[in-house]
Protein backbone atom coordinates (compact mmCIF):
# COMPACT_ATOMS: atom_id res chain seq x y z
CA MET A 1 0.00 0.00 0.00
CA ILE A 2 1.39 3.37 -1.01
CA LYS A 3 0.58 6.03 1.55
CA CYS A 4 0.91 9.48 0.01
CA THR A 5 -0.80 12.80 -0.16
CA GLU A 6 -3.45 12.81 -2.88
CA GLY A 7 -1.35 14.73 -5.39
CA LEU A 8 1.74 12.66 -4.77
CA ALA A 9 -0.22 9.42 -4.92
CA ILE A 10 -1.36 10.29 -8.46
CA LYS A 11 2.19 11.15 -9.45
CA SER A 12 3.53 7.98 -7.89
CA ARG A 13 1.03 5.71 -9.61
CA GLU A 14 1.76 7.36 -12.92
CA ASN A 15 5.46 6.73 -12.34
CA LEU A 16 4.88 3.17 -11.19
CA GLU A 17 2.64 1.88 -14.01
CA SER A 18 4.26 -1.22 -15.51
CA VAL A 19 7.55 -0.56 -13.77
CA LYS A 20 10.51 -2.60 -14.99
CA ILE A 21 13.55 -2.48 -12.70
CA LEU A 22 17.13 -3.60 -13.26
CA VAL A 23 19.10 -4.63 -10.17
CA VAL A 24 22.89 -4.79 -10.41
CA GLY A 25 24.59 -7.37 -8.20
CA THR A 26 24.82 -11.06 -7.40
CA GLY A 27 24.59 -11.55 -3.63
CA GLY A 28 22.08 -12.14 -0.88
CA ARG A 29 21.48 -8.41 -0.55
CA GLU A 30 20.46 -8.21 -4.20
CA HIS A 31 18.16 -11.24 -3.90
CA ALA A 32 16.46 -9.55 -0.93
CA ILE A 33 16.10 -6.30 -2.89
CA VAL A 34 14.57 -8.16 -5.84
CA TRP A 35 12.21 -10.03 -3.51
CA ALA A 36 11.09 -6.80 -1.84
CA LEU A 37 10.54 -5.02 -5.16
CA LEU A 38 8.42 -7.90 -6.46
CA GLN A 39 6.09 -7.65 -3.45
CA SER A 40 4.50 -4.71 -5.27
CA PRO A 41 2.09 -5.70 -8.07
CA LEU A 42 3.08 -2.45 -9.79
CA VAL A 43 6.50 -3.95 -10.54
CA THR A 44 5.99 -6.04 -13.64
CA GLN A 45 9.52 -7.36 -14.01
CA VAL A 46 12.93 -7.26 -12.34
CA LEU A 47 16.09 -7.90 -14.32
CA CYS A 48 19.29 -8.95 -12.50
CA VAL A 49 22.86 -8.27 -13.58
CA PRO A 50 24.07 -10.96 -13.18
CA GLY A 51 21.86 -12.29 -10.37
CA ASN A 52 22.23 -15.73 -8.78
CA GLY A 53 20.50 -19.08 -8.50
CA GLY A 54 17.73 -17.64 -6.37
CA THR A 55 16.83 -14.77 -8.69
CA ALA A 56 16.93 -17.21 -11.62
CA LEU A 57 14.05 -19.14 -10.04
CA MET A 58 11.79 -16.17 -9.22
CA GLU A 59 8.67 -15.33 -11.19
CA ARG A 60 8.77 -11.97 -12.98
CA CYS A 61 12.57 -12.03 -12.70
CA GLN A 62 15.26 -12.64 -15.30
CA ASN A 63 19.03 -12.88 -14.95
CA LEU A 64 21.22 -11.13 -17.50
CA SER A 65 24.80 -12.14 -18.29
CA PHE A 66 26.40 -8.68 -18.10
CA ARG A 67 29.25 -8.01 -15.68
CA VAL A 68 28.56 -5.44 -12.96
CA ASP A 69 31.24 -3.17 -14.49
CA ASP A 70 29.86 -3.40 -18.06
CA PHE A 71 28.36 0.08 -17.87
CA ALA A 72 27.81 0.41 -21.62
CA GLY A 73 26.04 -2.94 -21.87
CA ILE A 74 23.81 -2.22 -18.88
CA ALA A 75 22.94 1.23 -20.24
CA ARG A 76 22.10 -0.07 -23.72
CA PHE A 77 19.89 -2.80 -22.30
CA ALA A 78 18.07 -0.33 -20.04
CA GLU A 79 17.44 2.06 -22.94
CA VAL A 80 16.29 -0.58 -25.43
CA ASN A 81 14.07 -2.46 -22.97
CA GLY A 82 12.33 0.49 -21.29
CA VAL A 83 13.80 0.00 -17.80
CA SER A 84 12.20 2.49 -15.38
CA LEU A 85 14.88 2.35 -12.69
CA VAL A 86 18.32 0.84 -12.17
CA VAL A 87 19.21 -0.14 -8.57
CA ILE A 88 22.89 -0.63 -7.76
CA GLY A 89 23.56 -3.25 -5.08
CA PRO A 90 27.32 -3.63 -4.49
CA GLU A 91 29.94 -1.02 -3.72
CA LEU A 92 32.34 -1.84 -6.58
CA PRO A 93 30.30 -0.45 -9.50
CA LEU A 94 29.32 2.55 -7.37
CA SER A 95 32.97 3.32 -6.67
CA LEU A 96 33.75 2.95 -10.40
CA GLY A 97 31.10 5.52 -11.34
CA ILE A 98 28.19 3.51 -12.73
CA VAL A 99 25.70 6.09 -11.43
CA ASP A 100 27.52 8.94 -13.20
CA TYR A 101 27.55 6.89 -16.43
CA LEU A 102 23.83 6.09 -16.31
CA GLN A 103 22.84 9.61 -15.28
CA ASN A 104 24.74 10.97 -18.30
CA ARG A 105 22.50 8.72 -20.41
CA ASN A 106 19.37 10.05 -18.62
CA ILE A 107 18.66 6.63 -17.09
CA PRO A 108 17.06 6.83 -13.60
CA VAL A 109 19.39 5.14 -11.12
CA PHE A 110 19.37 4.60 -7.35
CA GLY A 111 22.79 5.01 -5.77
CA PRO A 112 25.38 7.69 -5.07
CA THR A 113 27.76 9.05 -7.70
CA ARG A 114 31.44 8.15 -7.74
CA ALA A 115 32.20 11.23 -5.64
CA GLY A 116 29.68 10.19 -2.99
CA ALA A 117 30.76 6.53 -3.05
CA GLN A 118 34.16 7.60 -1.73
CA ILE A 119 32.52 7.48 1.68
CA GLU A 120 33.05 3.71 1.43
CA SER A 121 35.83 3.35 -1.14
CA SER A 122 38.24 5.50 0.91
CA LYS A 123 38.21 5.23 4.67
CA THR A 124 40.54 8.22 4.96
CA TRP A 125 38.17 10.34 2.85
CA ALA A 126 35.28 9.22 5.05
CA LYS A 127 37.26 10.18 8.18
CA ALA A 128 37.76 13.66 6.72
CA ILE A 129 34.00 13.95 6.18
CA MET A 130 33.38 12.90 9.78
CA GLU A 131 35.87 15.41 11.15
CA GLU A 132 34.39 18.20 9.06
CA ALA A 133 30.88 17.28 10.17
CA GLY A 134 31.85 16.94 13.83
CA ILE A 135 30.74 13.31 13.95
CA PRO A 136 31.98 11.21 16.89
CA THR A 137 34.42 8.58 15.60
CA PRO A 138 37.48 6.73 16.95
CA LYS A 139 40.84 8.48 16.76
CA SER A 140 42.95 7.32 13.81
CA ALA A 141 46.04 7.92 11.71
CA THR A 142 46.77 7.21 8.03
CA PHE A 143 49.89 5.50 6.71
CA THR A 144 51.37 4.82 3.28
CA ASP A 145 54.52 2.93 4.27
CA LEU A 146 55.15 -0.13 6.39
CA GLU A 147 57.85 1.12 8.72
CA THR A 148 55.97 4.24 9.86
CA ALA A 149 52.85 2.17 10.44
CA ARG A 150 54.82 -0.40 12.46
CA ALA A 151 56.37 2.34 14.61
CA TYR A 152 52.95 3.86 15.29
CA ILE A 153 51.48 0.52 16.34
CA GLU A 154 54.40 -0.20 18.66
CA GLN A 155 53.91 3.22 20.23
CA GLN A 156 50.12 2.85 20.64
CA GLY A 157 50.06 -0.80 21.70
CA ALA A 158 47.18 -3.26 21.45
CA PRO A 159 44.30 -3.82 21.10
CA ILE A 160 44.14 -1.69 17.97
CA VAL A 161 42.28 -1.73 14.65
CA VAL A 162 43.94 -1.92 11.22
CA LYS A 163 41.90 -1.03 8.13
CA ALA A 164 42.64 -1.12 4.42
CA ASP A 165 41.78 2.26 2.91
CA GLY A 166 40.07 0.85 -0.18
CA LEU A 167 37.36 -1.70 -0.87
CA ALA A 168 38.00 -5.15 0.59
CA SER A 169 34.64 -6.97 0.34
CA GLY A 170 34.04 -6.65 4.07
CA LYS A 171 37.34 -8.37 4.94
CA GLY A 172 39.78 -5.43 5.08
CA VAL A 173 39.47 -4.79 8.81
CA VAL A 174 41.58 -6.52 11.45
CA VAL A 175 40.71 -6.02 15.11
CA ALA A 176 44.10 -6.90 16.57
CA GLU A 177 44.07 -8.11 20.16
CA THR A 178 47.88 -8.30 20.36
CA LEU A 179 50.77 -6.24 19.09
CA GLN A 180 52.03 -9.07 16.89
CA GLU A 181 48.59 -9.53 15.33
CA ALA A 182 48.50 -5.83 14.45
CA LEU A 183 51.99 -5.86 12.94
CA THR A 184 51.16 -8.96 10.89
CA ALA A 185 47.95 -7.31 9.64
CA VAL A 186 49.83 -4.22 8.47
CA GLU A 187 52.40 -6.35 6.63
CA LEU A 188 49.69 -8.46 5.01
CA LEU A 189 47.55 -5.53 3.86
CA PHE A 190 50.51 -3.66 2.37
CA ALA A 191 51.58 -6.90 0.66
CA GLN A 192 48.08 -7.11 -0.86
CA ASN A 193 48.78 -3.78 -2.60
CA TYR A 194 46.65 -1.57 -0.40
CA GLY A 195 48.65 1.64 -0.74
CA LYS A 196 47.12 3.29 2.29
CA LEU A 197 46.07 2.01 5.70
CA LEU A 198 44.05 3.50 8.53
CA ILE A 199 45.11 2.54 12.05
CA GLU A 200 42.36 3.27 14.53
CA GLU A 201 41.67 3.40 18.23
CA TYR A 202 40.03 0.26 19.61
CA LEU A 203 36.62 0.84 21.17
CA THR A 204 34.52 -1.42 23.36
CA GLY A 205 30.77 -1.71 23.21
CA GLN A 206 28.19 -3.10 20.81
CA GLU A 207 28.11 -2.51 17.07
CA LEU A 208 24.94 -1.24 15.42
CA SER A 209 24.09 -0.97 11.72
CA VAL A 210 21.92 1.97 10.71
CA ILE A 211 20.98 1.96 7.03
CA ALA A 212 19.32 5.14 5.79
CA LEU A 213 17.78 6.24 2.50
CA THR A 214 18.37 9.74 1.18
CA ASP A 215 17.42 11.85 -1.81
CA GLY A 216 20.21 14.32 -1.15
CA LYS A 217 17.96 16.61 0.88
CA THR A 218 16.08 14.35 3.29
CA ILE A 219 17.44 11.26 5.03
CA ARG A 220 15.38 8.52 6.70
CA ALA A 221 16.74 5.60 8.70
CA LEU A 222 15.47 2.06 8.26
CA LEU A 223 15.20 -0.31 11.21
CA PRO A 224 18.41 -0.66 13.23
CA ALA A 225 20.14 -4.01 12.85
CA GLN A 226 23.04 -5.94 14.29
CA ASP A 227 25.17 -8.34 12.29
CA HIS A 228 27.70 -10.98 13.28
CA LYS A 229 31.01 -10.37 11.52
CA ARG A 230 33.16 -13.10 13.08
CA ILE A 231 33.18 -16.59 11.60
CA GLY A 232 32.82 -18.45 14.91
CA ASP A 233 30.26 -18.72 17.68
CA GLY A 234 30.74 -16.24 20.48
CA ASP A 235 32.15 -13.69 18.00
CA THR A 236 35.43 -15.57 17.60
CA GLY A 237 37.73 -16.12 14.64
CA ALA A 238 38.30 -14.15 11.45
CA ASN A 239 36.18 -11.27 10.21
CA THR A 240 33.77 -12.09 7.39
CA GLY A 241 31.27 -10.23 5.28
CA GLY A 242 28.66 -11.18 7.89
CA MET A 243 27.43 -14.51 9.28
CA GLY A 244 23.94 -13.37 10.20
CA ALA A 245 21.86 -10.42 11.35
CA TYR A 246 18.73 -9.47 13.22
CA ALA A 247 16.32 -6.52 13.24
CA PRO A 248 15.15 -4.35 14.81
CA ALA A 249 18.11 -4.49 17.18
CA PRO A 250 16.94 -3.78 20.74
CA LEU A 251 20.08 -1.70 21.18
CA GLY A 252 18.66 0.83 18.70
CA THR A 253 16.16 2.40 21.07
CA PRO A 254 14.02 5.33 19.85
CA ALA A 255 16.14 7.72 21.91
CA LEU A 256 19.40 6.39 20.45
CA MET A 257 18.00 6.46 16.89
CA THR A 258 17.04 10.11 17.39
CA ARG A 259 20.61 10.87 18.44
CA ILE A 260 21.99 9.03 15.42
CA GLN A 261 19.63 10.94 13.13
CA ASN A 262 20.65 14.30 14.61
CA GLU A 263 24.34 13.67 15.36
CA VAL A 264 25.34 11.38 12.48
CA LEU A 265 22.98 11.16 9.52
CA GLU A 266 21.92 14.80 9.19
CA PRO A 267 25.44 16.28 9.68
CA THR A 268 26.93 13.83 7.19
CA LEU A 269 24.38 14.67 4.52
CA ALA A 270 24.86 18.40 5.16
CA THR A 271 28.64 18.04 4.80
CA LEU A 272 28.29 16.13 1.54
CA LYS A 273 26.02 18.90 0.24
CA ARG A 274 28.56 21.57 1.26
CA ARG A 275 31.13 19.70 -0.79
CA GLY A 276 28.84 19.85 -3.80
CA ILE A 277 27.93 16.15 -3.72
CA ASP A 278 24.31 15.32 -4.62
CA TYR A 279 24.07 12.09 -2.65
CA ARG A 280 21.03 9.97 -3.54
CA GLY A 281 20.91 6.38 -2.37
CA VAL A 282 21.90 4.51 0.78
CA LEU A 283 24.00 5.97 3.56
CA TYR A 284 24.88 3.16 5.93
CA ALA A 285 26.52 3.99 9.25
CA GLY A 286 28.37 1.24 11.07
CA LEU A 287 28.49 2.41 14.69
CA MET A 288 29.97 1.36 17.98
CA ILE A 289 27.67 2.10 20.91
CA THR A 290 30.00 2.55 23.86
CA PRO A 291 29.17 1.19 27.35
CA ASN A 292 27.90 4.65 28.37
CA GLY A 293 25.56 4.76 25.37
CA GLU A 294 27.55 7.09 23.11
CA PRO A 295 27.28 6.39 19.35
CA LYS A 296 30.59 6.52 17.45
CA VAL A 297 30.87 5.92 13.71
CA LEU A 298 33.32 3.17 12.77
CA GLU A 299 32.68 3.41 9.04
CA PHE A 300 30.23 4.48 6.37
CA ASN A 301 29.03 2.38 3.45
CA CYS A 302 27.39 3.65 0.28
CA ARG A 303 25.01 0.70 -0.25
CA PHE A 304 22.64 -1.66 1.52
CA GLY A 305 24.32 -3.87 4.10
CA ASP A 306 24.68 -7.61 3.70
CA PRO A 307 23.28 -9.55 5.59
CA GLU A 308 21.40 -6.71 7.35
CA THR A 309 19.25 -6.12 4.26
CA GLN A 310 18.03 -9.72 4.38
CA ALA A 311 16.84 -9.11 7.95
CA ILE A 312 15.35 -5.65 7.39
CA LEU A 313 13.42 -5.85 4.13
CA PRO A 314 11.07 -8.72 5.13
CA LEU A 315 9.73 -6.36 7.83
CA LEU A 316 9.04 -3.50 5.41
CA VAL A 317 5.40 -2.63 4.63
CA THR A 318 5.92 0.56 2.60
CA PRO A 319 6.65 -0.52 -1.00
CA LEU A 320 10.39 -0.49 -1.57
CA VAL A 321 9.90 0.68 -5.15
CA GLU A 322 8.18 3.83 -3.91
CA LEU A 323 10.99 4.62 -1.48
CA LEU A 324 13.69 4.15 -4.12
CA LEU A 325 11.88 6.25 -6.72
CA ALA A 326 11.28 8.98 -4.13
CA CYS A 327 15.03 9.12 -3.50
CA VAL A 328 15.84 9.33 -7.20
CA GLU A 329 13.17 12.00 -7.79
CA GLN A 330 14.03 13.98 -4.62
CA ARG A 331 10.58 13.74 -3.06
CA LEU A 332 11.39 11.68 0.03
CA ALA A 333 10.22 14.44 2.37
CA ALA A 334 6.72 14.25 0.90
CA LEU A 335 6.28 10.58 1.81
CA PRO A 336 4.71 9.57 5.13
CA PRO A 337 6.77 7.74 7.74
CA ILE A 338 8.08 4.35 6.62
CA GLU A 339 5.71 1.60 7.76
CA TRP A 340 6.96 -1.64 9.32
CA LYS A 341 5.43 -4.93 10.38
CA PRO A 342 5.01 -5.35 14.16
CA ALA A 343 7.53 -8.20 14.15
CA VAL A 344 11.23 -9.04 14.37
CA SER A 345 13.52 -11.01 12.08
CA THR A 346 16.59 -13.21 12.22
CA CYS A 347 18.85 -14.07 9.27
CA VAL A 348 21.31 -16.98 9.52
CA THR A 349 24.05 -17.15 6.89
CA ILE A 350 25.06 -20.56 5.56
CA ALA A 351 28.64 -20.52 4.30
CA ALA A 352 30.93 -22.85 2.41
CA GLN A 353 33.55 -24.81 4.32
CA GLY A 354 36.76 -22.77 4.52
CA TYR A 355 35.13 -19.34 4.25
CA PRO A 356 36.42 -16.60 4.66
CA GLY A 357 39.52 -18.37 3.34
CA ASN A 358 39.63 -20.81 0.43
CA TYR A 359 36.49 -22.79 -0.30
CA GLU A 360 35.10 -25.07 -2.99
CA ARG A 361 32.25 -24.27 -5.37
CA GLY A 362 29.77 -26.41 -7.24
CA LYS A 363 28.25 -28.26 -4.29
CA VAL A 364 24.66 -29.35 -5.01
CA ILE A 365 22.21 -27.80 -2.52
CA SER A 366 18.99 -29.50 -1.41
CA GLY A 367 16.15 -28.57 0.93
CA ILE A 368 15.70 -24.92 -0.07
CA GLU A 369 12.08 -25.39 -1.12
CA SER A 370 11.27 -27.14 2.17
CA ALA A 371 12.84 -24.27 4.14
CA ASN A 372 10.86 -21.62 2.23
CA THR A 373 7.69 -21.62 4.33
CA ASP A 374 5.33 -19.04 5.81
CA GLY A 375 7.49 -16.69 7.83
CA THR A 376 10.79 -17.97 6.39
CA ILE A 377 12.57 -16.87 3.22
CA VAL A 378 15.79 -18.35 1.87
CA PHE A 379 17.84 -15.67 0.17
CA HIS A 380 20.52 -16.91 -2.21
CA ALA A 381 23.98 -15.33 -2.09
CA GLY A 382 26.72 -17.47 -3.65
CA THR A 383 24.63 -19.81 -5.81
CA GLN A 384 24.10 -20.66 -9.46
CA LEU A 385 21.37 -22.57 -11.29
CA LYS A 386 23.00 -25.31 -13.36
CA GLN A 387 20.99 -27.97 -15.20
CA ASN A 388 17.97 -27.12 -13.02
CA ARG A 389 19.98 -27.69 -9.85
CA VAL A 390 21.11 -25.04 -7.40
CA VAL A 391 24.83 -25.28 -6.65
CA SER A 392 27.14 -23.29 -4.40
CA ASP A 393 29.15 -20.53 -6.05
CA GLY A 394 30.56 -18.39 -3.25
CA GLY A 395 31.76 -18.18 0.33
CA ARG A 396 28.46 -17.05 1.78
CA VAL A 397 25.96 -19.32 0.05
CA LEU A 398 22.50 -18.73 1.55
CA GLY A 399 20.75 -16.58 4.13
CA VAL A 400 17.74 -18.03 5.95
CA THR A 401 15.51 -15.22 7.25
CA SER A 402 12.55 -15.78 9.55
CA THR A 403 10.09 -13.27 10.94
CA ALA A 404 8.01 -13.72 14.10
CA PRO A 405 6.40 -11.69 16.88
CA ASP A 406 9.46 -12.16 19.13
CA PHE A 407 13.13 -13.07 18.81
CA ALA A 408 12.86 -16.47 20.48
CA SER A 409 10.35 -17.56 17.84
CA ALA A 410 12.25 -15.92 14.97
CA ILE A 411 15.52 -17.59 15.98
CA ASP A 412 13.89 -20.98 16.39
CA ARG A 413 12.12 -20.70 13.04
CA ALA A 414 15.29 -19.60 11.22
CA TYR A 415 17.30 -22.55 12.53
CA GLN A 416 14.49 -24.94 11.67
CA GLY A 417 14.85 -23.70 8.11
CA VAL A 418 18.64 -23.98 8.20
CA ARG A 419 18.45 -27.61 9.32
CA LEU A 420 16.30 -28.51 6.30
CA ILE A 421 19.07 -27.40 3.92
CA THR A 422 22.06 -29.57 3.05
CA PHE A 423 25.18 -29.38 0.91
CA GLU A 424 28.65 -30.77 1.34
CA GLY A 425 30.73 -28.75 3.80
CA MET A 426 28.01 -26.27 4.78
CA TYR A 427 28.77 -24.20 7.86
CA TYR A 428 26.78 -21.75 9.98
CA ARG A 429 27.00 -20.09 13.35
CA GLN A 430 24.59 -21.38 15.96
CA ASP A 431 24.27 -18.23 18.08
CA ILE A 432 22.80 -15.67 15.70
CA ALA A 433 20.60 -13.08 17.48
CA GLN A 434 21.12 -14.67 20.92
CA ARG A 435 22.03 -11.26 22.32
CA ALA A 436 18.56 -9.99 21.40
CA LEU A 437 16.99 -12.46 23.81
CA SER A 438 18.54 -10.69 26.80
CA GLU A 439 17.64 -7.18 25.66
CA ARG A 440 14.28 -5.45 25.49
CA LEU A 441 12.87 -3.51 22.57
């Protein structure tokens, strides 16, 4: 249901007649976006570039064999086939300037320009934005050579955080508990040709993901979420792209979300505007909430989070297509508050054995249809459809999301779904969203 003023409702329905949308990306986030878009009967078709095994099986959805950086091919297809909107999922094409390219061809596109995407593609650039905006963030220093970085770490001591300046698919951050771990991380990241590193103060507390939509003038937060970055139960082991998530995170109280809106989201958008950047798309703040309740920004991302998106979008009532078009057309302020289901969700990521290190592909997956039941959705991430069989094709393979009135039920339902799925070497954490059980909304 689209809730608008009368005039805007007419405009919106005119814009949304027979809408055909092209979604760029291949992961679980993109499958969730496609699923949410197709909940609206006004969306006649979604096209995925390149999509995955899950999007290949969806009605009113078609995978296309373009690469995410084939800007010319994507633009030509959109023009020839009457695509109403292009939605960019991952950070790589955003950082390469796909939005600028499509805008120059007068193709409506949801996502920030290359200039705006620097907020994720360069951690040092993002830090400068935070300092200019007066946003609370951990103290840090930037380094371009190994010896200076080593000397700084030895002076500061551990624990300490080492970050690659550029894009690293969610795996460019090392939270070093010991001095040796920090020194090894610096050596490794420089050896991987990251020319610049950020070394940051270590903070204690709980992390919170706040994903917001903006049209460059107005910014609105979605439900707060928490993800699980470490590979092992009890938040142990290597960092990953995310082993699960839940929403709305009890930590994100209304009072805290108001502070984040006023102290983080609004100042950041204002600073981007002062720099001449027309930022339309997702602004995603990864925050540490300190033990005394202070929000501090650890990083910004320029796109929907993964796996947070898989937890958030199943709770959305307002049509996603309307929100995205309002951002592109700079009319977000005219929309009513975003409407949500009175429920919670839990997403459990199923990974391939060896992730986030080396892993095998091509493992036949069974049980997905059985796990897809009322209240549970299986979002594909690293999968392909081959000879009518779904096979693994990535480190994070599936995300099982369940919604329920309370977290105990959502967790139980999600793991029931997980246990129905099998493939050789599958791995998942068994403690996703357990923290939510001890906290109150």
